[in-house]
Amino acid sequence: MIEDTFIKNDTDIQIGSNIKKIRIAKGMRPSDLVREVNLLGVSMTIFSLSKIEANTQHIKASQLRAVKEILGCSYEALLE
């Protein structure tokens, strides 16, 4: 089994803020995103998404991949 890796925020790259900005632009509620992530078989709670979007919790690689797919954006958009 492959161990999931956490993606740490760089001081210049705020992944969580970018997720929130893109999610809001798509008209998605946090609960919608969490539900879709879980439907892909990736564990995420509304509490963890809130912390990720506030840049106080690191996102797992599997979560980042799922969020990218659901939001229909590029990794570059999430990492700018």
PDB file of N, CA and C in Angstrom:
ATOM      1  N   MET A   1       0.844  -1.188   0.000  1.00  0.00           N
ATOM      2  CA  MET A   1       0.000   0.000   0.000  1.00  0.00           C
ATOM      3  C   MET A   1       0.882   1.241   0.000  1.00  0.00           C
ATOM      4  N   ILE A   2       0.553   2.192  -0.844  1.00  0.00           N
ATOM      5  CA  ILE A   2       1.317   3.426  -0.937  1.00  0.00           C
ATOM      6  C   ILE A   2       0.838   4.381   0.145  1.00  0.00           C
ATOM      7  N   GLU A   3       1.799   4.950   0.853  1.00  0.00           N
ATOM      8  CA  GLU A   3       1.469   5.895   1.910  1.00  0.00           C
ATOM      9  C   GLU A   3       1.113   7.242   1.291  1.00  0.00           C
ATOM     10  N   ASP A   4       0.051   7.871   1.772  1.00  0.00           N
ATOM     11  CA  ASP A   4      -0.362   9.172   1.264  1.00  0.00           C
ATOM     12  C   ASP A   4       0.603  10.233   1.770  1.00  0.00           C
ATOM     13  N   THR A   5       0.956  11.154   0.920  1.00  0.00           N
ATOM     14  CA  THR A   5       1.901  12.203   1.247  1.00  0.00           C
ATOM     15  C   THR A   5       1.161  13.514   1.451  1.00  0.00           C
ATOM     16  N   PHE A   6       1.583  14.278   2.457  1.00  0.00           N
ATOM     17  CA  PHE A   6       1.009  15.598   2.674  1.00  0.00           C
ATOM     18  C   PHE A   6       1.735  16.608   1.805  1.00  0.00           C
ATOM     19  N   ILE A   7       0.992  17.518   1.218  1.00  0.00           N
ATOM     20  CA  ILE A   7       1.555  18.600   0.426  1.00  0.00           C
ATOM     21  C   ILE A   7       1.562  19.833   1.325  1.00  0.00           C
ATOM     22  N   LYS A   8       2.749  20.320   1.633  1.00  0.00           N
ATOM     23  CA  LYS A   8       2.867  21.457   2.544  1.00  0.00           C
ATOM     24  C   LYS A   8       2.746  22.768   1.787  1.00  0.00           C
ATOM     25  N   ASN A   9       2.152  23.747   2.446  1.00  0.00           N
ATOM     26  CA  ASN A   9       2.045  25.077   1.856  1.00  0.00           C
ATOM     27  C   ASN A   9       3.383  25.775   1.924  1.00  0.00           C
ATOM     28  N   ASP A  10       3.750  26.406   0.841  1.00  0.00           N
ATOM     29  CA  ASP A  10       4.911  27.274   0.766  1.00  0.00           C
ATOM     30  C   ASP A  10       4.407  28.653   1.182  1.00  0.00           C
ATOM     31  N   THR A  11       5.273  29.492   1.717  1.00  0.00           N
ATOM     32  CA  THR A  11       4.808  30.819   2.128  1.00  0.00           C
ATOM     33  C   THR A  11       4.281  31.626   0.950  1.00  0.00           C
ATOM     34  N   ASP A  12       4.760  31.330  -0.259  1.00  0.00           N
ATOM     35  CA  ASP A  12       4.304  32.048  -1.445  1.00  0.00           C
ATOM     36  C   ASP A  12       3.170  31.327  -2.170  1.00  0.00           C
ATOM     37  N   ILE A  13       2.914  30.079  -1.825  1.00  0.00           N
ATOM     38  CA  ILE A  13       1.872  29.286  -2.484  1.00  0.00           C
ATOM     39  C   ILE A  13       0.853  28.861  -1.433  1.00  0.00           C
ATOM     40  N   GLN A  14      -0.333  29.382  -1.526  1.00  0.00           N
ATOM     41  CA  GLN A  14      -1.386  29.067  -0.565  1.00  0.00           C
ATOM     42  C   GLN A  14      -2.420  28.174  -1.249  1.00  0.00           C
ATOM     43  N   ILE A  15      -2.141  26.877  -1.256  1.00  0.00           N
ATOM     44  CA  ILE A  15      -2.998  25.916  -1.952  1.00  0.00           C
ATOM     45  C   ILE A  15      -4.445  26.013  -1.465  1.00  0.00           C
ATOM     46  N   GLY A  16      -4.626  26.071  -0.163  1.00  0.00           N
ATOM     47  CA  GLY A  16      -5.978  26.119   0.394  1.00  0.00           C
ATOM     48  C   GLY A  16      -6.762  27.335  -0.057  1.00  0.00           C
ATOM     49  N   SER A  17      -6.112  28.489  -0.076  1.00  0.00           N
ATOM     50  CA  SER A  17      -6.777  29.716  -0.540  1.00  0.00           C
ATOM     51  C   SER A  17      -7.172  29.588  -2.001  1.00  0.00           C
ATOM     52  N   ASN A  18      -6.308  28.960  -2.791  1.00  0.00           N
ATOM     53  CA  ASN A  18      -6.612  28.757  -4.208  1.00  0.00           C
ATOM     54  C   ASN A  18      -7.790  27.802  -4.388  1.00  0.00           C
ATOM     55  N   ILE A  19      -7.836  26.745  -3.578  1.00  0.00           N
ATOM     56  CA  ILE A  19      -8.974  25.816  -3.633  1.00  0.00           C
ATOM     57  C   ILE A  19     -10.269  26.570  -3.339  1.00  0.00           C
ATOM     58  N   LYS A  20     -10.247  27.367  -2.280  1.00  0.00           N
ATOM     59  CA  LYS A  20     -11.443  28.116  -1.885  1.00  0.00           C
ATOM     60  C   LYS A  20     -11.876  29.079  -2.987  1.00  0.00           C
ATOM     61  N   LYS A  21     -10.924  29.805  -3.562  1.00  0.00           N
ATOM     62  CA  LYS A  21     -11.228  30.777  -4.620  1.00  0.00           C
ATOM     63  C   LYS A  21     -11.869  30.081  -5.826  1.00  0.00           C
ATOM     64  N   ILE A  22     -11.300  28.962  -6.244  1.00  0.00           N
ATOM     65  CA  ILE A  22     -11.823  28.237  -7.406  1.00  0.00           C
ATOM     66  C   ILE A  22     -13.179  27.615  -7.082  1.00  0.00           C
ATOM     67  N   ARG A  23     -13.310  27.049  -5.881  1.00  0.00           N
ATOM     68  CA  ARG A  23     -14.583  26.436  -5.463  1.00  0.00           C
ATOM     69  C   ARG A  23     -15.706  27.467  -5.481  1.00  0.00           C
ATOM     70  N   ILE A  24     -15.442  28.645  -4.939  1.00  0.00           N
ATOM     71  CA  ILE A  24     -16.453  29.708  -4.899  1.00  0.00           C
ATOM     72  C   ILE A  24     -16.794  30.170  -6.315  1.00  0.00           C
ATOM     73  N   ALA A  25     -15.780  30.319  -7.160  1.00  0.00           N
ATOM     74  CA  ALA A  25     -16.007  30.738  -8.549  1.00  0.00           C
ATOM     75  C   ALA A  25     -16.887  29.736  -9.301  1.00  0.00           C
ATOM     76  N   LYS A  26     -16.809  28.462  -8.919  1.00  0.00           N
ATOM     77  CA  LYS A  26     -17.619  27.417  -9.553  1.00  0.00           C
ATOM     78  C   LYS A  26     -19.004  27.305  -8.912  1.00  0.00           C
ATOM     79  N   GLY A  27     -19.256  28.107  -7.864  1.00  0.00           N
ATOM     80  CA  GLY A  27     -20.552  28.085  -7.197  1.00  0.00           C
ATOM     81  C   GLY A  27     -20.771  26.857  -6.334  1.00  0.00           C
ATOM     82  N   MET A  28     -19.685  26.287  -5.833  1.00  0.00           N
ATOM     83  CA  MET A  28     -19.763  25.067  -5.017  1.00  0.00           C
ATOM     84  C   MET A  28     -19.681  25.396  -3.533  1.00  0.00           C
ATOM     85  N   ARG A  29     -20.530  24.758  -2.764  1.00  0.00           N
ATOM     86  CA  ARG A  29     -20.444  24.877  -1.309  1.00  0.00           C
ATOM     87  C   ARG A  29     -19.367  23.921  -0.805  1.00  0.00           C
ATOM     88  N   PRO A  30     -18.789  24.201   0.370  1.00  0.00           N
ATOM     89  CA  PRO A  30     -17.794  23.281   0.932  1.00  0.00           C
ATOM     90  C   PRO A  30     -18.333  21.856   1.050  1.00  0.00           C
ATOM     91  N   SER A  31     -19.587  21.730   1.462  1.00  0.00           N
ATOM     92  CA  SER A  31     -20.174  20.390   1.630  1.00  0.00           C
ATOM     93  C   SER A  31     -20.278  19.651   0.298  1.00  0.00           C
ATOM     94  N   ASP A  32     -20.511  20.392  -0.796  1.00  0.00           N
ATOM     95  CA  ASP A  32     -20.565  19.771  -2.126  1.00  0.00           C
ATOM     96  C   ASP A  32     -19.207  19.193  -2.501  1.00  0.00           C
ATOM     97  N   LEU A  33     -18.156  19.974  -2.272  1.00  0.00           N
ATOM     98  CA  LEU A  33     -16.812  19.521  -2.613  1.00  0.00           C
ATOM     99  C   LEU A  33     -16.426  18.306  -1.779  1.00  0.00           C
ATOM    100  N   VAL A  34     -16.698  18.355  -0.486  1.00  0.00           N
ATOM    101  CA  VAL A  34     -16.366  17.227   0.396  1.00  0.00           C
ATOM    102  C   VAL A  34     -17.110  15.969  -0.044  1.00  0.00           C
ATOM    103  N   ARG A  35     -18.388  16.105  -0.373  1.00  0.00           N
ATOM    104  CA  ARG A  35     -19.174  14.952  -0.821  1.00  0.00           C
ATOM    105  C   ARG A  35     -18.567  14.343  -2.084  1.00  0.00           C
ATOM    106  N   GLU A  36     -18.212  15.179  -3.041  1.00  0.00           N
ATOM    107  CA  GLU A  36     -17.634  14.695  -4.297  1.00  0.00           C
ATOM    108  C   GLU A  36     -16.275  14.028  -4.074  1.00  0.00           C
ATOM    109  N   VAL A  37     -15.464  14.586  -3.199  1.00  0.00           N
ATOM    110  CA  VAL A  37     -14.160  13.979  -2.881  1.00  0.00           C
ATOM    111  C   VAL A  37     -14.376  12.592  -2.294  1.00  0.00           C
ATOM    112  N   ASN A  38     -15.301  12.486  -1.349  1.00  0.00           N
ATOM    113  CA  ASN A  38     -15.579  11.192  -0.723  1.00  0.00           C
ATOM    114  C   ASN A  38     -16.155  10.187  -1.714  1.00  0.00           C
ATOM    115  N   LEU A  39     -16.947  10.647  -2.674  1.00  0.00           N
ATOM    116  CA  LEU A  39     -17.491   9.749  -3.698  1.00  0.00           C
ATOM    117  C   LEU A  39     -16.393   9.172  -4.588  1.00  0.00           C
ATOM    118  N   LEU A  40     -15.265   9.874  -4.671  1.00  0.00           N
ATOM    119  CA  LEU A  40     -14.116   9.357  -5.422  1.00  0.00           C
ATOM    120  C   LEU A  40     -13.287   8.381  -4.585  1.00  0.00           C
ATOM    121  N   GLY A  41     -13.726   8.142  -3.350  1.00  0.00           N
ATOM    122  CA  GLY A  41     -13.024   7.197  -2.487  1.00  0.00           C
ATOM    123  C   GLY A  41     -11.879   7.803  -1.707  1.00  0.00           C
ATOM    124  N   VAL A  42     -11.852   9.136  -1.640  1.00  0.00           N
ATOM    125  CA  VAL A  42     -10.801   9.844  -0.905  1.00  0.00           C
ATOM    126  C   VAL A  42     -11.439  10.447   0.337  1.00  0.00           C
ATOM    127  N   SER A  43     -10.833  10.206   1.481  1.00  0.00           N
ATOM    128  CA  SER A  43     -11.387  10.672   2.745  1.00  0.00           C
ATOM    129  C   SER A  43     -11.144  12.171   2.949  1.00  0.00           C
ATOM    130  N   MET A  44     -12.224  12.898   3.251  1.00  0.00           N
ATOM    131  CA  MET A  44     -12.132  14.317   3.594  1.00  0.00           C
ATOM    132  C   MET A  44     -13.377  14.671   4.388  1.00  0.00           C
ATOM    133  N   THR A  45     -13.216  15.501   5.402  1.00  0.00           N
ATOM    134  CA  THR A  45     -14.349  15.985   6.186  1.00  0.00           C
ATOM    135  C   THR A  45     -14.513  17.481   5.935  1.00  0.00           C
ATOM    136  N   ILE A  46     -15.679  17.996   6.274  1.00  0.00           N
ATOM    137  CA  ILE A  46     -15.924  19.428   6.141  1.00  0.00           C
ATOM    138  C   ILE A  46     -14.958  20.199   7.037  1.00  0.00           C
ATOM    139  N   PHE A  47     -14.643  19.632   8.193  1.00  0.00           N
ATOM    140  CA  PHE A  47     -13.712  20.266   9.127  1.00  0.00           C
ATOM    141  C   PHE A  47     -12.316  20.338   8.521  1.00  0.00           C
ATOM    142  N   SER A  48     -11.870  19.252   7.896  1.00  0.00           N
ATOM    143  CA  SER A  48     -10.527  19.268   7.306  1.00  0.00           C
ATOM    144  C   SER A  48     -10.479  20.216   6.109  1.00  0.00           C
ATOM    145  N   LEU A  49     -11.537  20.272   5.291  1.00  0.00           N
ATOM    146  CA  LEU A  49     -11.551  21.212   4.171  1.00  0.00           C
ATOM    147  C   LEU A  49     -11.473  22.644   4.681  1.00  0.00           C
ATOM    148  N   SER A  50     -12.198  22.940   5.739  1.00  0.00           N
ATOM    149  CA  SER A  50     -12.163  24.279   6.318  1.00  0.00           C
ATOM    150  C   SER A  50     -10.744  24.653   6.732  1.00  0.00           C
ATOM    151  N   LYS A  51     -10.049  23.719   7.362  1.00  0.00           N
ATOM    152  CA  LYS A  51      -8.671  23.979   7.795  1.00  0.00           C
ATOM    153  C   LYS A  51      -7.722  24.081   6.601  1.00  0.00           C
ATOM    154  N   ILE A  52      -7.938  23.257   5.582  1.00  0.00           N
ATOM    155  CA  ILE A  52      -7.104  23.322   4.374  1.00  0.00           C
ATOM    156  C   ILE A  52      -7.288  24.681   3.705  1.00  0.00           C
ATOM    157  N   GLU A  53      -8.545  25.114   3.555  1.00  0.00           N
ATOM    158  CA  GLU A  53      -8.817  26.392   2.899  1.00  0.00           C
ATOM    159  C   GLU A  53      -8.302  27.577   3.707  1.00  0.00           C
ATOM    160  N   ALA A  54      -8.164  27.412   5.012  1.00  0.00           N
ATOM    161  CA  ALA A  54      -7.605  28.466   5.867  1.00  0.00           C
ATOM    162  C   ALA A  54      -6.079  28.380   5.926  1.00  0.00           C
ATOM    163  N   ASN A  55      -5.515  27.420   5.202  1.00  0.00           N
ATOM    164  CA  ASN A  55      -4.063  27.197   5.161  1.00  0.00           C
ATOM    165  C   ASN A  55      -3.484  26.847   6.529  1.00  0.00           C
ATOM    166  N   THR A  56      -4.286  26.169   7.357  1.00  0.00           N
ATOM    167  CA  THR A  56      -3.794  25.732   8.665  1.00  0.00           C
ATOM    168  C   THR A  56      -3.616  24.220   8.732  1.00  0.00           C
ATOM    169  N   GLN A  57      -3.967  23.534   7.660  1.00  0.00           N
ATOM    170  CA  GLN A  57      -3.767  22.083   7.574  1.00  0.00           C
ATOM    171  C   GLN A  57      -3.239  21.760   6.187  1.00  0.00           C
ATOM    172  N   HIS A  58      -2.262  20.878   6.129  1.00  0.00           N
ATOM    173  CA  HIS A  58      -1.716  20.446   4.849  1.00  0.00           C
ATOM    174  C   HIS A  58      -2.704  19.507   4.173  1.00  0.00           C
ATOM    175  N   ILE A  59      -2.704  19.543   2.849  1.00  0.00           N
ATOM    176  CA  ILE A  59      -3.583  18.674   2.073  1.00  0.00           C
ATOM    177  C   ILE A  59      -2.814  17.428   1.651  1.00  0.00           C
ATOM    178  N   LYS A  60      -3.489  16.289   1.674  1.00  0.00           N
ATOM    179  CA  LYS A  60      -2.870  15.044   1.212  1.00  0.00           C
ATOM    180  C   LYS A  60      -2.843  15.041  -0.311  1.00  0.00           C
ATOM    181  N   ALA A  61      -1.859  14.350  -0.862  1.00  0.00           N
ATOM    182  CA  ALA A  61      -1.726  14.269  -2.318  1.00  0.00           C
ATOM    183  C   ALA A  61      -2.992  13.700  -2.953  1.00  0.00           C
ATOM    184  N   SER A  62      -3.583  12.683  -2.334  1.00  0.00           N
ATOM    185  CA  SER A  62      -4.806  12.082  -2.888  1.00  0.00           C
ATOM    186  C   SER A  62      -5.969  13.073  -2.863  1.00  0.00           C
ATOM    187  N   GLN A  63      -6.033  13.900  -1.827  1.00  0.00           N
ATOM    188  CA  GLN A  63      -7.079  14.915  -1.741  1.00  0.00           C
ATOM    189  C   GLN A  63      -6.874  15.986  -2.812  1.00  0.00           C
ATOM    190  N   LEU A  64      -5.625  16.396  -3.001  1.00  0.00           N
ATOM    191  CA  LEU A  64      -5.319  17.406  -4.011  1.00  0.00           C
ATOM    192  C   LEU A  64      -5.705  16.913  -5.399  1.00  0.00           C
ATOM    193  N   ARG A  65      -5.379  15.671  -5.689  1.00  0.00           N
ATOM    194  CA  ARG A  65      -5.715  15.076  -6.986  1.00  0.00           C
ATOM    195  C   ARG A  65      -7.239  15.055  -7.176  1.00  0.00           C
ATOM    196  N   ALA A  66      -7.980  14.663  -6.130  1.00  0.00           N
ATOM    197  CA  ALA A  66      -9.445  14.605  -6.210  1.00  0.00           C
ATOM    198  C   ALA A  66     -10.043  16.002  -6.378  1.00  0.00           C
ATOM    199  N   VAL A  67      -9.552  16.958  -5.613  1.00  0.00           N
ATOM    200  CA  VAL A  67     -10.053  18.332  -5.697  1.00  0.00           C
ATOM    201  C   VAL A  67      -9.806  18.893  -7.093  1.00  0.00           C
ATOM    202  N   LYS A  68      -8.627  18.649  -7.632  1.00  0.00           N
ATOM    203  CA  LYS A  68      -8.285  19.103  -8.989  1.00  0.00           C
ATOM    204  C   LYS A  68      -9.282  18.546 -10.002  1.00  0.00           C
ATOM    205  N   GLU A  69      -9.562  17.261  -9.887  1.00  0.00           N
ATOM    206  CA  GLU A  69     -10.488  16.609 -10.813  1.00  0.00           C
ATOM    207  C   GLU A  69     -11.898  17.184 -10.687  1.00  0.00           C
ATOM    208  N   ILE A  70     -12.366  17.349  -9.465  1.00  0.00           N
ATOM    209  CA  ILE A  70     -13.728  17.832  -9.224  1.00  0.00           C
ATOM    210  C   ILE A  70     -13.893  19.288  -9.662  1.00  0.00           C
ATOM    211  N   LEU A  71     -12.902  20.119  -9.357  1.00  0.00           N
ATOM    212  CA  LEU A  71     -12.994  21.531  -9.719  1.00  0.00           C
ATOM    213  C   LEU A  71     -12.691  21.777 -11.194  1.00  0.00           C
ATOM    214  N   GLY A  72     -12.150  20.754 -11.857  1.00  0.00           N
ATOM    215  CA  GLY A  72     -11.862  20.888 -13.282  1.00  0.00           C
ATOM    216  C   GLY A  72     -10.805  21.930 -13.580  1.00  0.00           C
ATOM    217  N   CYS A  73      -9.801  21.988 -12.726  1.00  0.00           N
ATOM    218  CA  CYS A  73      -8.738  22.973 -12.900  1.00  0.00           C
ATOM    219  C   CYS A  73      -7.395  22.263 -13.015  1.00  0.00           C
ATOM    220  N   SER A  74      -6.369  23.021 -13.279  1.00  0.00           N
ATOM    221  CA  SER A  74      -5.023  22.461 -13.405  1.00  0.00           C
ATOM    222  C   SER A  74      -4.307  22.512 -12.058  1.00  0.00           C
ATOM    223  N   TYR A  75      -3.243  21.722 -11.949  1.00  0.00           N
ATOM    224  CA  TYR A  75      -2.402  21.816 -10.759  1.00  0.00           C
ATOM    225  C   TYR A  75      -1.800  23.209 -10.667  1.00  0.00           C
ATOM    226  N   GLU A  76      -1.479  23.800 -11.812  1.00  0.00           N
ATOM    227  CA  GLU A  76      -0.900  25.141 -11.826  1.00  0.00           C
ATOM    228  C   GLU A  76      -1.839  26.150 -11.168  1.00  0.00           C
ATOM    229  N   ALA A  77      -3.138  26.030 -11.445  1.00  0.00           N
ATOM    230  CA  ALA A  77      -4.117  26.941 -10.844  1.00  0.00           C
ATOM    231  C   ALA A  77      -4.156  26.778  -9.330  1.00  0.00           C
ATOM    232  N   LEU A  78      -3.982  25.560  -8.855  1.00  0.00           N
ATOM    233  CA  LEU A  78      -3.997  25.308  -7.414  1.00  0.00           C
ATOM    234  C   LEU A  78      -2.702  25.741  -6.739  1.00  0.00           C
ATOM    235  N   LEU A  79      -1.620  25.772  -7.510  1.00  0.00           N
ATOM    236  CA  LEU A  79      -0.304  26.049  -6.929  1.00  0.00           C
ATOM    237  C   LEU A  79       0.213  27.457  -7.199  1.00  0.00           C
ATOM    238  N   GLU A  80      -0.591  28.314  -7.836  1.00  0.00           N
ATOM    239  CA  GLU A  80      -0.076  29.655  -8.112  1.00  0.00           C
ATOM    240  C   GLU A  80      -0.091  30.541  -6.893  1.00  0.00           C
TER     241      GLU A  80
END
